[in-house]
C-alpha atoms as a PDB file:
ATOM      1  CA  MET A   1      44.191 -44.486  18.859  1.00  0.00           C
ATOM      2  CA  GLY A   2      43.577 -42.076  16.019  1.00  0.00           C
ATOM      3  CA  ASP A   3      40.197 -40.731  14.893  1.00  0.00           C
ATOM      4  CA  LYS A   4      38.039 -43.183  12.992  1.00  0.00           C
ATOM      5  CA  VAL A   5      37.812 -42.532   9.282  1.00  0.00           C
ATOM      6  CA  PRO A   6      34.202 -42.701   8.054  1.00  0.00           C
ATOM      7  CA  ALA A   7      33.549 -45.588   5.781  1.00  0.00           C
ATOM      8  CA  VAL A   8      33.224 -44.826   2.087  1.00  0.00           C
ATOM      9  CA  ASP A   9      30.335 -46.351   0.189  1.00  0.00           C
ATOM     10  CA  THR A  10      32.175 -47.926  -2.717  1.00  0.00           C
ATOM     11  CA  SER A  11      28.936 -49.147  -4.262  1.00  0.00           C
ATOM     12  CA  LYS A  12      28.296 -45.657  -5.670  1.00  0.00           C
ATOM     13  CA  SER A  13      30.219 -43.887  -8.397  1.00  0.00           C
ATOM     14  CA  ASP A  14      32.231 -40.732  -7.741  1.00  0.00           C
ATOM     15  CA  ASP A  15      29.474 -38.611  -9.330  1.00  0.00           C
ATOM     16  CA  GLU A  16      26.757 -40.196  -7.179  1.00  0.00           C
ATOM     17  CA  GLN A  17      28.823 -39.720  -4.010  1.00  0.00           C
ATOM     18  CA  PHE A  18      29.368 -36.036  -4.952  1.00  0.00           C
ATOM     19  CA  GLU A  19      25.640 -35.467  -5.510  1.00  0.00           C
ATOM     20  CA  ASP A  20      24.859 -37.084  -2.124  1.00  0.00           C
ATOM     21  CA  ALA A  21      27.376 -34.853  -0.377  1.00  0.00           C
ATOM     22  CA  GLN A  22      26.089 -31.764  -2.216  1.00  0.00           C
ATOM     23  CA  SER A  23      22.484 -32.572  -1.243  1.00  0.00           C
ATOM     24  CA  LYS A  24      23.499 -32.968   2.419  1.00  0.00           C
ATOM     25  CA  GLU A  25      25.369 -29.642   2.332  1.00  0.00           C
ATOM     26  CA  ASP A  26      22.385 -27.879   0.707  1.00  0.00           C
ATOM     27  CA  PHE A  27      20.073 -29.351   3.364  1.00  0.00           C
ATOM     28  CA  ASN A  28      22.326 -28.097   6.200  1.00  0.00           C
ATOM     29  CA  GLU A  29      22.515 -24.628   4.650  1.00  0.00           C
ATOM     30  CA  ARG A  30      18.741 -24.492   4.235  1.00  0.00           C
ATOM     31  CA  THR A  31      18.234 -25.575   7.850  1.00  0.00           C
ATOM     32  CA  VAL A  32      20.539 -22.814   9.128  1.00  0.00           C
ATOM     33  CA  ASP A  33      18.878 -20.265   6.832  1.00  0.00           C
ATOM     34  CA  GLU A  34      15.420 -21.275   8.050  1.00  0.00           C
ATOM     35  CA  VAL A  35      16.449 -20.922  11.710  1.00  0.00           C
ATOM     36  CA  ILE A  36      17.898 -17.439  11.037  1.00  0.00           C
ATOM     37  CA  GLU A  37      14.778 -16.410   9.161  1.00  0.00           C
ATOM     38  CA  LYS A  38      12.469 -17.704  11.918  1.00  0.00           C
ATOM     39  CA  VAL A  39      14.369 -15.935  14.729  1.00  0.00           C
ATOM     40  CA  THR A  40      15.166 -12.607  13.026  1.00  0.00           C
ATOM     41  CA  GLY A  41      12.437 -12.358  10.459  1.00  0.00           C
ATOM     42  CA  LEU A  42      15.083 -11.674   7.809  1.00  0.00           C
ATOM     43  CA  SER A  43      15.488 -13.842   4.746  1.00  0.00           C
ATOM     44  CA  THR A  44      19.008 -14.958   3.836  1.00  0.00           C
ATOM     45  CA  ARG A  45      17.933 -16.362   0.503  1.00  0.00           C
ATOM     46  CA  LYS A  46      19.511 -14.719  -2.515  1.00  0.00           C
ATOM     47  CA  PRO A  47      16.837 -13.273  -4.816  1.00  0.00           C
ATOM     48  CA  PRO A  48      16.800 -14.414  -8.427  1.00  0.00           C
ATOM     49  CA  ASP A  49      18.508 -12.268 -11.033  1.00  0.00           C
ATOM     50  CA  THR A  50      15.881  -9.693 -11.982  1.00  0.00           C
ATOM     51  CA  ASP A  51      15.688  -5.998 -12.736  1.00  0.00           C
ATOM     52  CA  VAL A  52      15.932  -4.712  -9.159  1.00  0.00           C
ATOM     53  CA  ASP A  53      16.037  -1.149  -7.922  1.00  0.00           C
ATOM     54  CA  GLU A  54      17.900  -0.754  -4.647  1.00  0.00           C
ATOM     55  CA  PHE A  55      15.846   1.267  -2.175  1.00  0.00           C
ATOM     56  CA  VAL A  56      16.287   1.937   1.517  1.00  0.00           C
ATOM     57  CA  ASP A  57      14.406   5.130   2.332  1.00  0.00           C
ATOM     58  CA  CYS A  58      14.406   8.823   1.530  1.00  0.00           C
ATOM     59  CA  VAL A  59      17.591   9.452   3.522  1.00  0.00           C
ATOM     60  CA  ASN A  60      20.877   9.306   1.662  1.00  0.00           C
ATOM     61  CA  HIS A  61      23.045   6.352   2.629  1.00  0.00           C
ATOM     62  CA  SER A  62      26.730   5.908   2.028  1.00  0.00           C
ATOM     63  CA  GLU A  63      28.115   3.174  -0.188  1.00  0.00           C
ATOM     64  CA  ASP A  64      29.526   1.478   2.917  1.00  0.00           C
ATOM     65  CA  ASP A  65      26.111   0.755   4.438  1.00  0.00           C
ATOM     66  CA  ASP A  66      26.094  -2.890   5.387  1.00  0.00           C
ATOM     67  CA  THR A  67      22.318  -3.328   5.294  1.00  0.00           C
ATOM     68  CA  LYS A  68      20.295  -2.488   2.215  1.00  0.00           C
ATOM     69  CA  ILE A  69      16.925  -3.750   1.146  1.00  0.00           C
ATOM     70  CA  SER A  70      16.373  -4.800  -2.445  1.00  0.00           C
ATOM     71  CA  VAL A  71      12.824  -4.497  -3.675  1.00  0.00           C
ATOM     72  CA  LYS A  72      11.313  -4.959  -7.061  1.00  0.00           C
ATOM     73  CA  GLN A  73       9.849  -1.619  -8.135  1.00  0.00           C
ATOM     74  CA  THR A  74       7.118  -1.698 -10.726  1.00  0.00           C
ATOM     75  CA  SER A  75       6.658   1.178 -13.125  1.00  0.00           C
ATOM     76  CA  GLU A  76       3.767   2.576 -11.075  1.00  0.00           C
ATOM     77  CA  PRO A  77       1.960   1.656  -7.861  1.00  0.00           C
ATOM     78  CA  GLY A  78      -1.082  -0.485  -8.549  1.00  0.00           C
ATOM     79  CA  LYS A  79       0.299  -1.735 -11.847  1.00  0.00           C
ATOM     80  CA  GLY A  80       2.125  -4.835 -12.919  1.00  0.00           C
ATOM     81  CA  CYS A  81       5.691  -4.916 -14.247  1.00  0.00           C
ATOM     82  CA  ASP A  82       4.423  -4.313 -17.766  1.00  0.00           C
ATOM     83  CA  GLY A  83       2.489  -1.219 -16.660  1.00  0.00           C
ATOM     84  CA  VAL A  84      -0.919  -2.767 -17.350  1.00  0.00           C
ATOM     85  CA  VAL A  85      -3.727  -1.895 -14.951  1.00  0.00           C
ATOM     86  CA  GLU A  86      -4.644  -5.013 -12.989  1.00  0.00           C
ATOM     87  CA  PRO A  87      -8.281  -5.828 -12.100  1.00  0.00           C
ATOM     88  CA  LEU A  88      -9.167  -4.650  -8.602  1.00  0.00           C
ATOM     89  CA  GLU A  89     -12.356  -6.598  -7.798  1.00  0.00           C
ATOM     90  CA  ASP A  90     -13.108  -5.457  -4.213  1.00  0.00           C
ATOM     91  CA  ASP A  91      -9.604  -4.188  -3.496  1.00  0.00           C
ATOM     92  CA  ASP A  92      -9.845  -0.422  -3.121  1.00  0.00           C
ATOM     93  CA  LEU A  93      -6.961   0.003  -0.688  1.00  0.00           C
ATOM     94  CA  VAL A  94      -4.809   3.087  -1.206  1.00  0.00           C
ATOM     95  CA  ASP A  95      -1.644   2.649   0.864  1.00  0.00           C
ATOM     96  CA  GLU A  96      -0.385   6.212   1.186  1.00  0.00           C
ATOM     97  CA  ASP A  97       2.649   5.218   3.262  1.00  0.00           C
ATOM     98  CA  SER A  98       3.892   2.930   0.488  1.00  0.00           C
ATOM     99  CA  GLN A  99       3.005   5.586  -2.056  1.00  0.00           C
ATOM    100  CA  ARG A 100       5.079   8.141  -0.157  1.00  0.00           C
ATOM    101  CA  ASP A 101       8.068   5.786  -0.238  1.00  0.00           C
ATOM    102  CA  TYR A 102       7.525   5.159  -3.936  1.00  0.00           C
ATOM    103  CA  GLU A 103       7.420   8.879  -4.713  1.00  0.00           C
ATOM    104  CA  CYS A 104      10.730   9.476  -2.939  1.00  0.00           C
ATOM    105  CA  GLY A 105      12.517   7.868  -5.876  1.00  0.00           C
ATOM    106  CA  LEU A 106      10.705   9.887  -8.547  1.00  0.00           C
ATOM    107  CA  SER A 107      11.850  13.030 -10.291  1.00  0.00           C
ATOM    108  CA  GLU A 108       9.508  16.010 -10.602  1.00  0.00           C
ATOM    109  CA  GLU A 109       8.984  15.125 -14.263  1.00  0.00           C
ATOM    110  CA  GLU A 110       7.931  11.590 -13.330  1.00  0.00           C
ATOM    111  CA  LYS A 111       5.538  12.906 -10.693  1.00  0.00           C
ATOM    112  CA  GLU A 112       3.927  15.246 -13.198  1.00  0.00           C
ATOM    113  CA  ALA A 113       3.619  12.380 -15.676  1.00  0.00           C
ATOM    114  CA  ASN A 114       1.821  10.355 -13.000  1.00  0.00           C
ATOM    115  CA  LYS A 115      -0.449  13.331 -12.284  1.00  0.00           C
ATOM    116  CA  THR A 116      -1.351  13.536 -15.972  1.00  0.00           C
ATOM    117  CA  LYS A 117      -2.175   9.816 -16.065  1.00  0.00           C
ATOM    118  CA  ALA A 118      -4.249  10.187 -12.895  1.00  0.00           C
ATOM    119  CA  ASP A 119      -6.240  13.027 -14.499  1.00  0.00           C
ATOM    120  CA  GLU A 120      -6.904  10.844 -17.549  1.00  0.00           C
ATOM    121  CA  LEU A 121      -8.128   7.991 -15.335  1.00  0.00           C
ATOM    122  CA  LYS A 122     -10.372  10.390 -13.419  1.00  0.00           C
ATOM    123  CA  GLN A 123     -11.971  11.630 -16.634  1.00  0.00           C
ATOM    124  CA  GLN A 124     -12.561   8.065 -17.791  1.00  0.00           C
ATOM    125  CA  GLY A 125     -14.056   7.274 -14.386  1.00  0.00           C
ATOM    126  CA  ASN A 126     -16.368  10.288 -14.642  1.00  0.00           C
ATOM    127  CA  GLU A 127     -17.661   9.135 -18.027  1.00  0.00           C
ATOM    128  CA  LEU A 128     -18.289   5.618 -16.725  1.00  0.00           C
ATOM    129  CA  PHE A 129     -20.085   7.029 -13.672  1.00  0.00           C
ATOM    130  CA  LYS A 130     -22.413   9.045 -15.927  1.00  0.00           C
ATOM    131  CA  GLN A 131     -23.158   5.847 -17.866  1.00  0.00           C
ATOM    132  CA  GLY A 132     -24.085   4.028 -14.654  1.00  0.00           C
ATOM    133  CA  GLU A 133     -20.937   1.861 -14.661  1.00  0.00           C
ATOM    134  CA  HIS A 134     -20.259   2.562 -10.999  1.00  0.00           C
ATOM    135  CA  LEU A 135     -17.984  -0.390 -10.213  1.00  0.00           C
ATOM    136  CA  GLN A 136     -15.733   0.349 -13.189  1.00  0.00           C
ATOM    137  CA  SER A 137     -15.605   4.037 -12.292  1.00  0.00           C
ATOM    138  CA  LEU A 138     -14.676   3.118  -8.697  1.00  0.00           C
ATOM    139  CA  GLU A 139     -11.762   1.026  -9.962  1.00  0.00           C
ATOM    140  CA  LEU A 140     -10.474   3.846 -12.149  1.00  0.00           C
ATOM    141  CA  TYR A 141     -10.695   6.358  -9.288  1.00  0.00           C
ATOM    142  CA  THR A 142      -8.688   3.937  -7.151  1.00  0.00           C
ATOM    143  CA  GLN A 143      -6.018   3.597  -9.841  1.00  0.00           C
ATOM    144  CA  ALA A 144      -5.901   7.373 -10.153  1.00  0.00           C
ATOM    145  CA  LEU A 145      -5.414   7.742  -6.381  1.00  0.00           C
ATOM    146  CA  ARG A 146      -2.503   5.304  -6.521  1.00  0.00           C
ATOM    147  CA  LEU A 147      -0.861   7.511  -9.155  1.00  0.00           C
ATOM    148  CA  CYS A 148      -1.778  11.063  -8.160  1.00  0.00           C
ATOM    149  CA  PRO A 149       1.140  12.578  -6.175  1.00  0.00           C
ATOM    150  CA  LEU A 150       0.377  13.094  -2.497  1.00  0.00           C
ATOM    151  CA  ASP A 151       1.255  16.785  -2.610  1.00  0.00           C
ATOM    152  CA  HIS A 152      -1.579  17.453  -5.102  1.00  0.00           C
ATOM    153  CA  LYS A 153      -4.084  17.816  -2.295  1.00  0.00           C
ATOM    154  CA  GLU A 154      -6.939  19.358  -4.301  1.00  0.00           C
ATOM    155  CA  ALA A 155      -6.795  16.648  -6.960  1.00  0.00           C
ATOM    156  CA  ARG A 156      -6.721  13.862  -4.381  1.00  0.00           C
ATOM    157  CA  ALA A 157      -9.665  15.383  -2.495  1.00  0.00           C
ATOM    158  CA  ILE A 158     -11.733  15.311  -5.696  1.00  0.00           C
ATOM    159  CA  LEU A 159     -10.744  11.714  -6.429  1.00  0.00           C
ATOM    160  CA  TYR A 160     -11.756  10.557  -2.938  1.00  0.00           C
ATOM    161  CA  ALA A 161     -15.069  12.442  -3.176  1.00  0.00           C
ATOM    162  CA  ASN A 162     -15.801  10.969  -6.622  1.00  0.00           C
ATOM    163  CA  ARG A 163     -14.966   7.491  -5.393  1.00  0.00           C
ATOM    164  CA  ALA A 164     -17.307   8.003  -2.432  1.00  0.00           C
ATOM    165  CA  ALA A 165     -20.093   8.813  -4.900  1.00  0.00           C
ATOM    166  CA  ALA A 166     -19.433   5.581  -6.794  1.00  0.00           C
ATOM    167  CA  LYS A 167     -19.420   3.590  -3.553  1.00  0.00           C
ATOM    168  CA  SER A 168     -22.701   5.167  -2.491  1.00  0.00           C
ATOM    169  CA  LYS A 169     -24.299   3.939  -5.703  1.00  0.00           C
ATOM    170  CA  LEU A 170     -22.965   0.455  -4.893  1.00  0.00           C
ATOM    171  CA  ASP A 171     -24.361   0.673  -1.319  1.00  0.00           C
ATOM    172  CA  ARG A 172     -20.887   0.620   0.226  1.00  0.00           C
ATOM    173  CA  LYS A 173     -21.816   3.330   2.685  1.00  0.00           C
ATOM    174  CA  LYS A 174     -19.203   2.641   5.352  1.00  0.00           C
ATOM    175  CA  THR A 175     -16.201   2.958   3.047  1.00  0.00           C
ATOM    176  CA  ALA A 176     -17.932   5.796   1.192  1.00  0.00           C
ATOM    177  CA  LEU A 177     -17.979   7.672   4.512  1.00  0.00           C
ATOM    178  CA  ASP A 178     -14.279   6.905   4.921  1.00  0.00           C
ATOM    179  CA  ASP A 179     -13.556   8.349   1.474  1.00  0.00           C
ATOM    180  CA  CYS A 180     -15.499  11.529   2.244  1.00  0.00           C
ATOM    181  CA  THR A 181     -13.456  11.924   5.423  1.00  0.00           C
ATOM    182  CA  LYS A 182     -10.210  11.446   3.444  1.00  0.00           C
ATOM    183  CA  ALA A 183     -11.355  14.080   0.947  1.00  0.00           C
ATOM    184  CA  LEU A 184     -11.961  16.498   3.813  1.00  0.00           C
ATOM    185  CA  GLU A 185      -8.528  15.760   5.270  1.00  0.00           C
ATOM    186  CA  TYR A 186      -7.037  17.027   2.002  1.00  0.00           C
ATOM    187  CA  ASN A 187      -9.509  19.916   1.700  1.00  0.00           C
ATOM    188  CA  PRO A 188     -11.469  20.771   4.888  1.00  0.00           C
ATOM    189  CA  ASN A 189     -13.580  23.351   3.023  1.00  0.00           C
ATOM    190  CA  TYR A 190     -14.754  20.979   0.300  1.00  0.00           C
ATOM    191  CA  VAL A 191     -18.510  21.635   0.333  1.00  0.00           C
ATOM    192  CA  LYS A 192     -19.419  18.766  -2.010  1.00  0.00           C
ATOM    193  CA  ALA A 193     -17.595  16.245   0.208  1.00  0.00           C
ATOM    194  CA  LEU A 194     -19.295  17.683   3.315  1.00  0.00           C
ATOM    195  CA  LEU A 195     -22.721  17.380   1.700  1.00  0.00           C
ATOM    196  CA  ARG A 196     -22.018  13.836   0.551  1.00  0.00           C
ATOM    197  CA  ARG A 197     -20.855  12.806   4.015  1.00  0.00           C
ATOM    198  CA  ALA A 198     -23.850  14.519   5.648  1.00  0.00           C
ATOM    199  CA  ASN A 199     -26.184  12.527   3.395  1.00  0.00           C
ATOM    200  CA  LEU A 200     -24.399   9.280   4.201  1.00  0.00           C
ATOM    201  CA  TYR A 201     -24.515  10.007   7.927  1.00  0.00           C
ATOM    202  CA  GLU A 202     -28.268  10.583   7.708  1.00  0.00           C
ATOM    203  CA  GLU A 203     -28.779   7.389   5.694  1.00  0.00           C
ATOM    204  CA  THR A 204     -26.895   5.396   8.351  1.00  0.00           C
ATOM    205  CA  ASP A 205     -28.875   6.993  11.225  1.00  0.00           C
ATOM    206  CA  LYS A 206     -25.947   9.084  12.460  1.00  0.00           C
ATOM    207  CA  LEU A 207     -28.158  12.128  12.690  1.00  0.00           C
ATOM    208  CA  ASP A 208     -26.052  14.249  15.040  1.00  0.00           C
ATOM    209  CA  GLU A 209     -22.991  13.877  12.804  1.00  0.00           C
ATOM    210  CA  SER A 210     -25.125  14.656   9.764  1.00  0.00           C
ATOM    211  CA  LEU A 211     -26.487  17.860  11.294  1.00  0.00           C
ATOM    212  CA  GLU A 212     -22.965  18.933  12.266  1.00  0.00           C
ATOM    213  CA  ASP A 213     -21.759  18.546   8.670  1.00  0.00           C
ATOM    214  CA  TYR A 214     -24.742  20.495   7.331  1.00  0.00           C
ATOM    215  CA  ARG A 215     -23.940  23.300   9.774  1.00  0.00           C
ATOM    216  CA  LYS A 216     -20.371  23.404   8.442  1.00  0.00           C
ATOM    217  CA  VAL A 217     -21.762  23.607   4.915  1.00  0.00           C
ATOM    218  CA  LEU A 218     -23.839  26.651   5.896  1.00  0.00           C
ATOM    219  CA  GLU A 219     -20.760  28.296   7.381  1.00  0.00           C
ATOM    220  CA  LEU A 220     -19.009  27.898   4.027  1.00  0.00           C
ATOM    221  CA  ASP A 221     -22.066  28.415   1.822  1.00  0.00           C
ATOM    222  CA  PRO A 222     -24.843  30.265   3.718  1.00  0.00           C
ATOM    223  CA  GLY A 223     -27.236  30.028   0.785  1.00  0.00           C
ATOM    224  CA  ASN A 224     -27.008  26.247   0.366  1.00  0.00           C
ATOM    225  CA  SER A 225     -30.632  25.090   0.097  1.00  0.00           C
ATOM    226  CA  GLU A 226     -29.899  21.426   0.926  1.00  0.00           C
ATOM    227  CA  ALA A 227     -28.174  22.335   4.185  1.00  0.00           C
ATOM    228  CA  ARG A 228     -30.930  24.808   5.084  1.00  0.00           C
ATOM    229  CA  ALA A 229     -33.580  22.149   4.598  1.00  0.00           C
ATOM    230  CA  ALA A 230     -31.603  19.757   6.790  1.00  0.00           C
ATOM    231  CA  GLN A 231     -31.494  22.361   9.563  1.00  0.00           C
ATOM    232  CA  THR A 232     -35.291  22.144   9.659  1.00  0.00           C
ATOM    233  CA  ARG A 233     -35.651  18.417   9.003  1.00  0.00           C
ATOM    234  CA  LEU A 234     -33.061  16.856  11.322  1.00  0.00           C
ATOM    235  CA  PRO A 235     -33.690  18.362  14.809  1.00  0.00           C
ATOM    236  CA  PRO A 236     -37.192  16.781  15.125  1.00  0.00           C
ATOM    237  CA  LYS A 237     -35.820  13.458  13.892  1.00  0.00           C
ATOM    238  CA  ILE A 238     -33.031  13.648  16.488  1.00  0.00           C
ATOM    239  CA  SER A 239     -35.537  14.437  19.281  1.00  0.00           C
ATOM    240  CA  GLU A 240     -37.784  11.574  18.188  1.00  0.00           C
ATOM    241  CA  ARG A 241     -34.837   9.182  18.132  1.00  0.00           C
ATOM    242  CA  ASN A 242     -33.646  10.318  21.563  1.00  0.00           C
ATOM    243  CA  GLU A 243     -37.143   9.815  23.040  1.00  0.00           C
ATOM    244  CA  ARG A 244     -37.291   6.336  21.534  1.00  0.00           C
ATOM    245  CA  LEU A 245     -33.903   5.460  22.953  1.00  0.00           C
ATOM    246  CA  LYS A 246     -34.900   6.840  26.365  1.00  0.00           C
ATOM    247  CA  GLU A 247     -38.056   4.715  26.404  1.00  0.00           C
ATOM    248  CA  GLU A 248     -36.070   1.637  25.451  1.00  0.00           C
ATOM    249  CA  MET A 249     -33.566   2.354  28.208  1.00  0.00           C
ATOM    250  CA  MET A 250     -36.290   2.913  30.817  1.00  0.00           C
ATOM    251  CA  GLY A 251     -37.933  -0.358  29.803  1.00  0.00           C
ATOM    252  CA  LYS A 252     -34.680  -2.230  30.297  1.00  0.00           C
ATOM    253  CA  LEU A 253     -34.132  -0.524  33.669  1.00  0.00           C
ATOM    254  CA  LYS A 254     -37.645  -1.523  34.802  1.00  0.00           C
ATOM    255  CA  ASP A 255     -37.005  -5.116  33.801  1.00  0.00           C
ATOM    256  CA  LEU A 256     -33.756  -5.079  35.772  1.00  0.00           C
ATOM    257  CA  GLY A 257     -35.456  -3.431  38.780  1.00  0.00           C
ATOM    258  CA  ASN A 258     -38.268  -5.982  38.794  1.00  0.00           C
ATOM    259  CA  MET A 259     -35.762  -8.820  38.723  1.00  0.00           C
ATOM    260  CA  ILE A 260     -33.948  -7.371  41.758  1.00  0.00           C
ATOM    261  CA  LEU A 261     -37.137  -6.496  43.701  1.00  0.00           C
ATOM    262  CA  ARG A 262     -39.056  -9.735  43.048  1.00  0.00           C
ATOM    263  CA  PRO A 263     -37.434 -11.729  45.910  1.00  0.00           C
ATOM    264  CA  PHE A 264     -38.695  -9.022  48.309  1.00  0.00           C
ATOM    265  CA  GLY A 265     -42.270  -9.185  47.032  1.00  0.00           C
ATOM    266  CA  LEU A 266     -41.930  -5.804  45.355  1.00  0.00           C
ATOM    267  CA  SER A 267     -41.786  -4.393  41.840  1.00  0.00           C
ATOM    268  CA  THR A 268     -41.062  -1.066  40.205  1.00  0.00           C
ATOM    269  CA  GLN A 269     -44.823  -0.366  40.482  1.00  0.00           C
ATOM    270  CA  ASN A 270     -44.166   0.280  44.191  1.00  0.00           C
ATOM    271  CA  PHE A 271     -42.023   3.276  43.286  1.00  0.00           C
ATOM    272  CA  GLU A 272     -43.270   6.487  41.732  1.00  0.00           C
ATOM    273  CA  MET A 273     -40.923   8.977  40.058  1.00  0.00           C
ATOM    274  CA  ILE A 274     -42.004  12.603  40.316  1.00  0.00           C
ATOM    275  CA  GLN A 275     -40.174  15.306  38.355  1.00  0.00           C
ATOM    276  CA  ASP A 276     -39.628  18.737  39.883  1.00  0.00           C
ATOM    277  CA  PRO A 277     -40.772  21.263  37.216  1.00  0.00           C
ATOM    278  CA  GLN A 278     -38.380  23.872  38.550  1.00  0.00           C
ATOM    279  CA  THR A 279     -35.173  21.859  38.494  1.00  0.00           C
ATOM    280  CA  GLY A 280     -36.040  18.929  36.244  1.00  0.00           C
ATOM    281  CA  SER A 281     -34.726  16.496  38.830  1.00  0.00           C
ATOM    282  CA  TYR A 282     -36.663  13.442  39.998  1.00  0.00           C
ATOM    283  CA  SER A 283     -37.722  12.217  43.432  1.00  0.00           C
ATOM    284  CA  ILE A 284     -38.833   8.649  44.159  1.00  0.00           C
ATOM    285  CA  ASN A 285     -41.819   7.908  46.408  1.00  0.00           C
ATOM    286  CA  PHE A 286     -42.578   4.451  47.802  1.00  0.00           C
ATOM    287  CA  ASN A 287     -46.159   3.192  47.426  1.00  0.00           C
ATOM    288  CA  GLN A 288     -46.596  -0.062  49.309  1.00  0.00           C
ATOM    289  CA  GLY A 289     -50.220  -0.556  48.255  1.00  0.00           C
ATOM    290  CA  ALA A 290     -49.473  -0.488  44.510  1.00  0.00           C
ATOM    291  CA  LYS A 291     -50.613  -3.509  42.478  1.00  0.00           C
ATOM    292  CA  GLN A 292     -47.898  -6.023  41.741  1.00  0.00           C
END
C-alpha cells in the first residue's frame, strides 16, 4: 500500500489554506529558533532594518569571518540616538569596559571632540555645584565621564573627584568613597582626592584608613594644615575606639565563659587575670572562694 495522502480541507479557500500553512511554518521556525537561543544563548532572529554599525572588537577581522556581531551604536555613550542627554536619576554607572570598546571605533578627531564636550559638561557641573544644585551637577559629571577619553587620565581624575564632592553633599558617602578611589587610580598623587577620601573615611568611622590618607597627603604636601591637624586629632580617637571595642569583646567573652561554666557551679568571677608588667602577657589564677 502506498503512503496515505493527508486529507485536504475543502471548506477553506486557497488563500485561507495558504495562511494556515504559513502560520504553521512560522510557528515551527520560531520553536526551533527559541530552542537554539535557549541552549546557545545566541539569537537567530534577524534584526530590523536600522542604521547599524558592524563591530566585533579592536582586532582586525577578515571579510570571510563567519561570526560578526551587529550592534546599534549611538552617537555617544550615555546618549540616545538623537544625541540628547537622557535623565540619569540614580544611575551613575560609568562602564569603562564598554567605553573602551566604544573608543576603539573612534578617530583621534572624534576623541578630541568628545573631550571638548566633556570639558563643557564639567564646567556646567561646576557652576551648578556652586549654586547648590548638587544632584544636577552629579549627573553632568557622570555624562562627562562617559565622554572623556580613557587616556585623558588627569581630566578623568578631576571628574571623579568632583563627582565625589557632589555625592558627599547628597550624603552618598559609600559611592563618594568609590569615586575618590577611582580618581586616585588615575592620579595617585592627587592631594584633593586624598583629602576628600580621608574626610569621608573619618565620617564613616574608618579612622585607620583616614589617618593613612592624611599621612600620604603630608608626604606630598608637608605644609598641609588639614592633614597636620588630623595627625593630632585621630590617634586619640583611634585609641578610644580600640579600647571601646576591647571592652565590648571582653564582655562578650565573659558572657560566653559564664554560659560554659554555669553547669559546673562556676563563673568567670572564679578566675583572675593578672598581667605581667614586663612582658604584657596574662596569667590566670583560680579563686574558688569568689562570689558567684
